[in-house]
Amino acid sequence: MLNWNGAKIARKLLTAAAGVLICVVAWVMASPAPASGDALLDGFRHVEVASVSDALEQLTGKRMYMTHHMQPIFTAKFAGYAVTVRLKKDEGNSDPAALNGMLAAIDNGPANSVYVMSVEDGADIAGMGDYAGAVIDGGVRDVAYLRKIGFPVYATGIVPSTSVHHYRFDAQKSIMCDGVTVNPGDIVTADSDGVVVVPREKAAEVLASAQQLDFKEHSMYAYIEKLKSIEQAVKQFGRL
């Protein structure tokens, strides 16, 4: 997670950047969070995303993970509450305020929020300027600098383009990102295995189930070494 100075620098860099974020941007602010919700997010930050995905499928019967196209530019792990943003196609617009709402949403994002952006036909429009932590269903740019400063970013590709003069901004609506529905306030969590969206109303139940799955899987490792058998360990713990 970013420290407070890092978060302020990220906002300043983004505001000054010629490019703008596309599709899903995840930004976990590190300013002090309200007491409510801290324990929940802390739990998701310490459980494996694969276990969260399994728990969601077992409890809801739904797939809430993003596809294999989502790849981090370096290994990262985070969880936060979704602030949703949509960019609608508006080619050739010369309105200097077309994307202002997005920048304001970034500046005013609450602590422990994840910025989630859906971009219409955005696969080859990279809007990622310098920013803090992102999952992008579309292109990302400034990758060398992002790696240098250690800002976590997930994306489907690397391209040099911009979203300026191509899009208009809308916010805090239900959006579809890489096949997954994201509502404002949902929990977005990511690690080396990918990105999962947890509906807010199911979050506590999903976390408890994921923690149990994590415990079983981690406990299996010693049994696998001892018994020299994955099959026997699976029978012992009932976890694949």
Protein backbone atom coordinates (compact mmCIF):
# COMPACT_ATOMS: atom_id res chain seq x y z
CA MET A 1 0.00 0.00 0.00
CA LEU A 2 1.17 3.51 -0.75
CA ASN A 3 2.22 5.79 2.05
CA TRP A 4 0.44 9.13 2.28
CA ASN A 5 3.18 11.06 0.47
CA GLY A 6 3.15 8.48 -2.31
CA ALA A 7 -0.60 8.84 -2.71
CA LYS A 8 -0.34 12.64 -2.98
CA ILE A 9 2.48 12.37 -5.51
CA ALA A 10 0.45 9.89 -7.56
CA ARG A 11 -2.52 12.26 -7.72
CA LYS A 12 -0.29 15.16 -8.71
CA LEU A 13 1.42 13.12 -11.42
CA LEU A 14 -1.87 11.93 -12.82
CA THR A 15 -3.36 15.41 -12.90
CA ALA A 16 -0.35 16.67 -14.82
CA ALA A 17 -0.12 13.69 -17.17
CA ALA A 18 -1.18 13.96 -20.80
CA GLY A 19 -2.66 10.47 -20.65
CA VAL A 20 -5.64 9.37 -18.60
CA LEU A 21 -6.44 6.00 -17.06
CA ILE A 22 -8.38 3.45 -19.07
CA CYS A 23 -10.68 0.70 -18.01
CA VAL A 24 -9.96 -0.51 -14.54
CA VAL A 25 -7.77 1.55 -12.32
CA ALA A 26 -7.21 0.32 -8.82
CA TRP A 27 -5.81 2.84 -6.40
CA VAL A 28 -5.50 2.05 -2.74
CA MET A 29 -5.14 5.23 -0.74
CA ALA A 30 -3.01 4.99 2.37
CA SER A 31 -4.43 7.81 4.42
CA PRO A 32 -6.05 6.72 7.71
CA ALA A 33 -9.29 4.82 7.04
CA PRO A 34 -12.48 4.93 9.07
CA ALA A 35 -12.67 2.32 11.81
CA SER A 36 -15.55 0.54 10.08
CA GLY A 37 -14.37 -1.65 7.22
CA ASP A 38 -10.72 -1.83 8.25
CA ALA A 39 -10.96 -5.38 9.58
CA LEU A 40 -12.78 -6.52 6.47
CA LEU A 41 -10.23 -5.08 4.08
CA ASP A 42 -7.35 -6.28 6.23
CA GLY A 43 -8.78 -9.77 5.97
CA PHE A 44 -8.93 -9.61 2.18
CA ARG A 45 -5.38 -8.27 2.05
CA HIS A 46 -4.15 -11.38 3.88
CA VAL A 47 -6.11 -14.05 2.02
CA GLU A 48 -5.23 -15.47 -1.38
CA VAL A 49 -7.27 -14.22 -4.32
CA ALA A 50 -7.68 -17.82 -5.55
CA SER A 51 -9.40 -18.67 -2.26
CA VAL A 52 -11.65 -15.62 -2.60
CA SER A 53 -12.56 -16.72 -6.13
CA ASP A 54 -13.35 -20.26 -4.96
CA ALA A 55 -15.40 -18.98 -2.02
CA LEU A 56 -17.45 -16.72 -4.30
CA GLU A 57 -18.18 -19.56 -6.71
CA GLN A 58 -19.17 -21.91 -3.90
CA LEU A 59 -21.44 -19.35 -2.22
CA THR A 60 -22.98 -17.65 -5.26
CA GLY A 61 -22.36 -19.96 -8.21
CA LYS A 62 -20.90 -17.01 -10.11
CA ARG A 63 -17.51 -16.32 -11.67
CA MET A 64 -16.27 -13.02 -10.30
CA TYR A 65 -12.63 -13.17 -11.42
CA MET A 66 -11.19 -11.27 -14.36
CA THR A 67 -9.64 -13.23 -17.20
CA HIS A 68 -6.09 -14.34 -17.87
CA HIS A 69 -5.66 -11.23 -20.02
CA MET A 70 -5.22 -9.21 -16.81
CA GLN A 71 -1.50 -9.27 -16.08
CA PRO A 72 0.48 -7.25 -13.53
CA ILE A 73 3.51 -5.28 -14.67
CA PHE A 74 5.08 -6.56 -11.45
CA THR A 75 3.85 -8.76 -8.60
CA ALA A 76 1.41 -6.91 -6.37
CA LYS A 77 -1.34 -7.49 -3.82
CA PHE A 78 -4.12 -5.12 -2.68
CA ALA A 79 -7.79 -4.85 -1.72
CA GLY A 80 -10.11 -1.87 -1.49
CA TYR A 81 -13.63 -0.53 -2.03
CA ALA A 82 -14.58 0.20 -5.64
CA VAL A 83 -15.18 3.72 -6.91
CA THR A 84 -16.56 3.10 -10.40
CA VAL A 85 -15.92 5.26 -13.46
CA ARG A 86 -16.94 4.89 -17.09
CA LEU A 87 -15.38 6.52 -20.15
CA LYS A 88 -17.71 6.80 -23.15
CA LYS A 89 -16.38 7.10 -26.68
CA ASP A 90 -16.37 10.68 -27.99
CA GLU A 91 -13.82 10.81 -30.80
CA GLY A 92 -12.25 14.11 -31.70
CA ASN A 93 -13.82 16.13 -28.91
CA SER A 94 -12.02 19.39 -28.13
CA ASP A 95 -13.70 19.93 -24.79
CA PRO A 96 -10.94 20.58 -22.21
CA ALA A 97 -13.34 19.50 -19.46
CA ALA A 98 -14.27 16.15 -21.03
CA LEU A 99 -12.21 14.19 -18.49
CA ASN A 100 -12.22 16.65 -15.60
CA GLY A 101 -14.69 14.63 -13.59
CA MET A 102 -12.36 11.67 -13.60
CA LEU A 103 -9.49 13.68 -12.19
CA ALA A 104 -11.75 15.11 -9.49
CA ALA A 105 -12.93 11.61 -8.61
CA ILE A 106 -9.31 10.54 -8.21
CA ASP A 107 -8.43 13.57 -6.09
CA ASN A 108 -11.47 13.08 -3.86
CA GLY A 109 -11.33 9.30 -3.58
CA PRO A 110 -11.90 8.10 -0.01
CA ALA A 111 -9.28 6.21 1.93
CA ASN A 112 -8.95 2.52 1.07
CA SER A 113 -10.79 2.99 -2.23
CA VAL A 114 -10.11 1.17 -5.48
CA TYR A 115 -10.65 3.22 -8.63
CA VAL A 116 -12.48 1.07 -11.19
CA MET A 117 -12.83 2.42 -14.71
CA SER A 118 -14.60 0.96 -17.73
CA VAL A 119 -13.61 2.29 -21.15
CA GLU A 120 -15.71 1.74 -24.24
CA ASP A 121 -13.59 0.08 -26.97
CA GLY A 122 -10.46 0.87 -24.97
CA ALA A 123 -8.18 -2.06 -25.79
CA ASP A 124 -5.77 0.02 -27.87
CA ILE A 125 -6.21 3.36 -26.10
CA ALA A 126 -3.67 3.57 -23.32
CA GLY A 127 -4.47 6.30 -20.92
CA MET A 128 -2.32 5.30 -18.04
CA GLY A 129 -0.05 8.18 -17.18
CA ASP A 130 1.91 8.14 -13.93
CA TYR A 131 -0.40 6.73 -11.28
CA ALA A 132 -0.65 4.58 -8.16
CA GLY A 133 -1.80 0.98 -8.44
CA ALA A 134 -4.06 -0.07 -11.32
CA VAL A 135 -5.91 -2.91 -12.95
CA ILE A 136 -6.64 -1.91 -16.54
CA ASP A 137 -8.93 -3.69 -18.96
CA GLY A 138 -7.04 -2.10 -21.81
CA GLY A 139 -3.61 -0.62 -22.38
CA VAL A 140 -1.07 0.84 -20.01
CA ARG A 141 1.84 3.17 -20.72
CA ASP A 142 4.71 4.78 -18.80
CA VAL A 143 5.51 1.23 -17.68
CA ALA A 144 9.21 1.83 -17.01
CA TYR A 145 8.41 4.66 -14.63
CA LEU A 146 5.59 2.76 -12.95
CA ARG A 147 7.96 -0.10 -12.24
CA LYS A 148 10.64 2.27 -11.03
CA ILE A 149 8.37 3.87 -8.44
CA GLY A 150 6.72 0.57 -7.52
CA PHE A 151 3.10 1.39 -8.35
CA PRO A 152 1.12 -1.86 -8.89
CA VAL A 153 -0.66 -2.05 -12.25
CA TYR A 154 -2.66 -4.81 -13.94
CA ALA A 155 -3.43 -4.46 -17.67
CA THR A 156 -4.21 -6.42 -20.81
CA GLY A 157 -1.36 -4.86 -22.79
CA ILE A 158 1.15 -2.08 -23.18
CA VAL A 159 0.45 0.67 -25.74
CA PRO A 160 1.64 4.29 -26.15
CA SER A 161 -1.72 5.96 -26.88
CA THR A 162 -3.88 8.37 -24.87
CA SER A 163 -7.58 8.71 -24.06
CA VAL A 164 -7.50 12.53 -24.27
CA HIS A 165 -9.86 13.80 -27.03
CA HIS A 166 -11.33 10.30 -27.35
CA TYR A 167 -13.57 9.90 -24.28
CA ARG A 168 -16.00 11.51 -21.86
CA PHE A 169 -16.36 10.74 -18.17
CA ASP A 170 -19.19 9.29 -16.07
CA ALA A 171 -18.94 7.94 -12.52
CA GLN A 172 -20.39 5.84 -9.70
CA LYS A 173 -22.53 3.53 -11.84
CA SER A 174 -22.59 -0.23 -12.16
CA ILE A 175 -20.02 -1.14 -14.83
CA MET A 176 -18.83 -4.26 -16.63
CA CYS A 177 -15.09 -4.80 -16.65
CA ASP A 178 -13.48 -7.77 -18.37
CA GLY A 179 -16.75 -9.67 -18.05
CA VAL A 180 -17.23 -8.91 -14.35
CA THR A 181 -19.89 -6.59 -12.93
CA VAL A 182 -18.46 -3.99 -10.53
CA ASN A 183 -20.71 -1.81 -8.36
CA PRO A 184 -19.60 1.16 -6.27
CA GLY A 185 -18.49 -0.13 -2.88
CA ASP A 186 -17.70 -3.67 -4.02
CA ILE A 187 -14.35 -5.02 -2.90
CA VAL A 188 -11.69 -5.43 -5.57
CA THR A 189 -8.79 -7.65 -4.56
CA ALA A 190 -5.73 -8.67 -6.56
CA ASP A 191 -2.56 -10.70 -6.22
CA SER A 192 -0.25 -12.79 -8.42
CA ASP A 193 -3.15 -15.04 -9.44
CA GLY A 194 -5.32 -12.23 -10.79
CA VAL A 195 -8.19 -9.90 -9.90
CA VAL A 196 -11.50 -10.74 -8.18
CA VAL A 197 -14.53 -8.55 -7.43
CA VAL A 198 -16.52 -9.30 -4.26
CA PRO A 199 -20.09 -7.90 -4.00
CA ARG A 200 -20.17 -5.75 -0.88
CA GLU A 201 -23.25 -7.47 0.57
CA LYS A 202 -21.45 -10.84 0.41
CA ALA A 203 -18.03 -9.63 1.54
CA ALA A 204 -18.04 -10.84 5.16
CA GLU A 205 -19.38 -14.28 4.20
CA VAL A 206 -16.94 -14.64 1.32
CA LEU A 207 -14.00 -13.60 3.48
CA ALA A 208 -14.84 -16.16 6.18
CA SER A 209 -15.10 -18.92 3.59
CA ALA A 210 -11.90 -17.83 1.83
CA GLN A 211 -10.01 -17.83 5.12
CA GLN A 212 -11.12 -21.42 5.76
CA LEU A 213 -10.03 -22.45 2.26
CA ASP A 214 -6.68 -20.73 2.78
CA PHE A 215 -6.15 -22.54 6.08
CA LYS A 216 -6.89 -25.93 4.53
CA GLU A 217 -4.63 -25.35 1.56
CA HIS A 218 -1.71 -24.07 3.61
CA SER A 219 -2.12 -26.96 6.07
CA MET A 220 -1.96 -29.41 3.19
CA TYR A 221 1.62 -28.53 2.30
CA ALA A 222 3.13 -30.28 5.30
CA TYR A 223 0.97 -33.36 4.70
CA ILE A 224 2.00 -33.52 1.05
CA GLU A 225 5.65 -33.49 2.09
CA LYS A 226 5.04 -36.05 4.83
CA LEU A 227 2.81 -38.45 2.86
CA LYS A 228 4.46 -37.83 -0.51
CA SER A 229 0.96 -37.80 -1.96
CA ILE A 230 -1.21 -34.93 -3.12
CA GLU A 231 -4.17 -37.31 -3.39
CA GLN A 232 -3.97 -38.29 0.29
CA ALA A 233 -3.62 -34.66 1.37
CA VAL A 234 -6.70 -33.69 -0.64
CA LYS A 235 -8.67 -36.50 0.98
CA GLN A 236 -7.50 -35.30 4.40
CA PHE A 237 -8.48 -31.64 3.90
CA GLY A 238 -11.07 -31.74 1.12
CA ARG A 239 -9.37 -28.86 -0.71
CA LEU A 240 -8.15 -28.79 -4.29
